[in-house]
Amino acid sequence: MKTVQQVLHAKSGPVLSVRPDTTVYDALVLMARHDIGALLVLDGDRLSGMFSERDYARKVILHGRSSRTMPVADVMTREVVAVPACLTVDECMALMTDHRVRHLPVVEDGDIVGLVSIGDLVKAQIDDQRFVIEQLEHYIAH
């Protein structure tokens, strides 16, 4: 079973983040530009929360608030579940299910080293299953 470290290795690009005082609108623009569903919210080097499309839909749109002036800090998820890179894909999926989250920051020695989404984890599982199937097919054919 793959670890979070292996999943991160397969991903490309930096981990994107915003500051707590960034407007919701600017955060959404960044997310749209990079085709991602969530951002880390960093106060300096400290993880202070996560901002996701779900936060926007539930805490801005449904309440008729303006995304152009509202800071991310007003709507971000403050209680963030972070994981070490040594956790397996299955362990992360269980955490996501238990905590009803779709993104997990990856932390090593107090530093954020990545972010995995439920999509990243499902892709890793499918890739593992495909590999096993190919190996079994090769074994049966020979």
Protein backbone atom coordinates (compact mmCIF):
# COMPACT_ATOMS: atom_id res chain seq x y z
CA MET A 1 0.00 0.00 0.00
CA LYS A 2 1.26 3.44 -0.94
CA THR A 3 2.16 6.05 1.63
CA VAL A 4 1.26 9.73 1.53
CA GLN A 5 4.93 10.43 0.71
CA GLN A 6 4.63 8.33 -2.47
CA VAL A 7 1.40 10.10 -3.43
CA LEU A 8 3.07 13.50 -2.96
CA HIS A 9 6.05 12.40 -5.04
CA ALA A 10 3.71 11.68 -7.97
CA LYS A 11 2.12 15.14 -7.74
CA SER A 12 3.69 18.17 -9.33
CA GLY A 13 3.66 21.79 -8.40
CA PRO A 14 3.90 23.80 -5.20
CA VAL A 15 1.49 23.69 -2.29
CA LEU A 16 -0.65 26.77 -2.68
CA SER A 17 -1.72 28.89 0.25
CA VAL A 18 -3.21 32.24 1.19
CA ARG A 19 -2.99 34.47 4.26
CA PRO A 20 -5.96 34.81 6.64
CA ASP A 21 -6.54 38.40 5.42
CA THR A 22 -6.76 37.37 1.74
CA THR A 23 -10.24 38.04 0.38
CA VAL A 24 -12.44 35.06 -0.38
CA TYR A 25 -12.68 36.33 -3.96
CA ASP A 26 -8.89 36.36 -4.43
CA ALA A 27 -8.66 32.86 -2.92
CA LEU A 28 -11.30 31.63 -5.38
CA VAL A 29 -9.44 33.20 -8.29
CA LEU A 30 -6.25 31.37 -7.23
CA MET A 31 -8.14 28.08 -6.88
CA ALA A 32 -9.75 28.49 -10.31
CA ARG A 33 -6.43 29.40 -11.95
CA HIS A 34 -4.84 26.20 -10.62
CA ASP A 35 -7.97 24.01 -10.87
CA ILE A 36 -7.89 23.01 -7.20
CA GLY A 37 -10.59 22.74 -4.56
CA ALA A 38 -8.82 23.95 -1.43
CA LEU A 39 -6.02 26.13 -0.13
CA LEU A 40 -3.96 26.12 3.03
CA VAL A 41 -4.34 29.27 5.10
CA LEU A 42 -0.98 30.23 6.57
CA ASP A 43 -0.29 32.92 9.11
CA GLY A 44 3.44 33.25 8.46
CA ASP A 45 4.67 29.66 8.63
CA ARG A 46 1.83 28.54 10.92
CA LEU A 47 -1.12 26.59 9.53
CA SER A 48 -4.18 28.48 10.73
CA GLY A 49 -6.82 26.80 8.58
CA MET A 50 -8.05 25.51 5.24
CA PHE A 51 -10.27 27.26 2.73
CA SER A 52 -12.29 25.12 0.34
CA GLU A 53 -15.07 25.37 -2.21
CA ARG A 54 -17.30 23.84 0.47
CA ASP A 55 -16.47 26.71 2.85
CA TYR A 56 -17.39 29.20 0.14
CA ALA A 57 -20.66 27.50 -0.75
CA ARG A 58 -21.82 26.99 2.82
CA LYS A 59 -20.54 30.10 4.55
CA VAL A 60 -20.60 32.81 1.88
CA ILE A 61 -23.10 32.05 -0.89
CA LEU A 62 -25.84 30.56 1.30
CA HIS A 63 -25.63 33.52 3.68
CA GLY A 64 -25.70 36.16 0.93
CA ARG A 65 -22.31 37.57 1.90
CA SER A 66 -19.80 39.29 -0.40
CA SER A 67 -16.67 37.40 -1.38
CA ARG A 68 -14.90 40.54 -2.61
CA THR A 69 -14.45 42.08 0.83
CA MET A 70 -14.68 39.12 3.23
CA PRO A 71 -11.36 37.75 4.48
CA VAL A 72 -10.73 34.01 4.24
CA ALA A 73 -10.27 33.96 8.05
CA ASP A 74 -14.02 34.59 8.46
CA VAL A 75 -15.04 31.39 6.66
CA MET A 76 -12.07 29.01 6.70
CA THR A 77 -12.11 25.70 8.51
CA ARG A 78 -10.02 26.25 11.62
CA GLU A 79 -9.77 22.70 12.94
CA VAL A 80 -7.50 21.10 10.37
CA VAL A 81 -6.62 17.42 10.37
CA ALA A 82 -2.96 17.11 9.29
CA VAL A 83 -1.07 13.88 8.65
CA PRO A 84 2.54 12.70 8.56
CA ALA A 85 3.94 11.51 5.22
CA CYS A 86 4.36 7.96 6.55
CA LEU A 87 0.60 7.30 6.73
CA THR A 88 -0.86 4.94 4.13
CA VAL A 89 -3.49 5.88 1.60
CA ASP A 90 -6.01 3.68 3.45
CA GLU A 91 -5.26 5.40 6.77
CA CYS A 92 -5.76 8.82 5.17
CA MET A 93 -9.02 7.77 3.55
CA ALA A 94 -10.28 6.53 6.93
CA LEU A 95 -9.34 9.88 8.53
CA MET A 96 -11.11 11.78 5.76
CA THR A 97 -14.22 9.69 6.25
CA ASP A 98 -14.16 10.02 10.04
CA HIS A 99 -13.61 13.79 9.96
CA ARG A 100 -15.71 14.46 6.83
CA VAL A 101 -12.90 16.33 5.04
CA ARG A 102 -11.62 16.14 1.48
CA HIS A 103 -8.10 17.50 1.94
CA LEU A 104 -5.27 16.71 4.34
CA PRO A 105 -2.16 18.84 4.83
CA VAL A 106 0.97 16.71 5.14
CA VAL A 107 3.34 17.79 7.93
CA GLU A 108 6.87 16.60 8.73
CA ASP A 109 8.85 17.98 11.66
CA GLY A 110 6.38 20.84 12.00
CA ASP A 111 6.72 21.89 8.35
CA ILE A 112 4.01 21.58 5.73
CA VAL A 113 5.38 19.41 2.93
CA GLY A 114 2.24 18.90 0.87
CA LEU A 115 -1.50 18.57 0.57
CA VAL A 116 -3.42 15.49 -0.54
CA SER A 117 -7.01 15.42 -1.70
CA ILE A 118 -9.49 12.59 -1.77
CA GLY A 119 -8.97 12.54 -5.55
CA ASP A 120 -5.22 12.01 -5.10
CA LEU A 121 -5.86 9.09 -2.76
CA VAL A 122 -8.48 7.45 -4.97
CA LYS A 123 -6.14 7.76 -7.96
CA ALA A 124 -3.34 6.11 -5.95
CA GLN A 125 -5.64 3.23 -5.02
CA ILE A 126 -6.75 2.75 -8.62
CA ASP A 127 -3.13 2.78 -9.81
CA ASP A 128 -2.22 0.13 -7.19
CA GLN A 129 -5.15 -2.05 -8.22
CA ARG A 130 -4.29 -1.68 -11.91
CA PHE A 131 -0.71 -2.76 -11.17
CA VAL A 132 -1.88 -5.85 -9.27
CA ILE A 133 -4.26 -6.79 -12.07
CA GLU A 134 -1.51 -6.44 -14.68
CA GLN A 135 0.82 -8.60 -12.59
CA LEU A 136 -1.84 -11.28 -12.19
CA GLU A 137 -2.63 -11.21 -15.90
CA HIS A 138 1.07 -11.57 -16.71
CA TYR A 139 1.39 -14.45 -14.24
CA ILE A 140 -1.64 -16.25 -15.70
CA ALA A 141 -0.48 -15.75 -19.30
CA HIS A 142 2.94 -17.26 -18.63
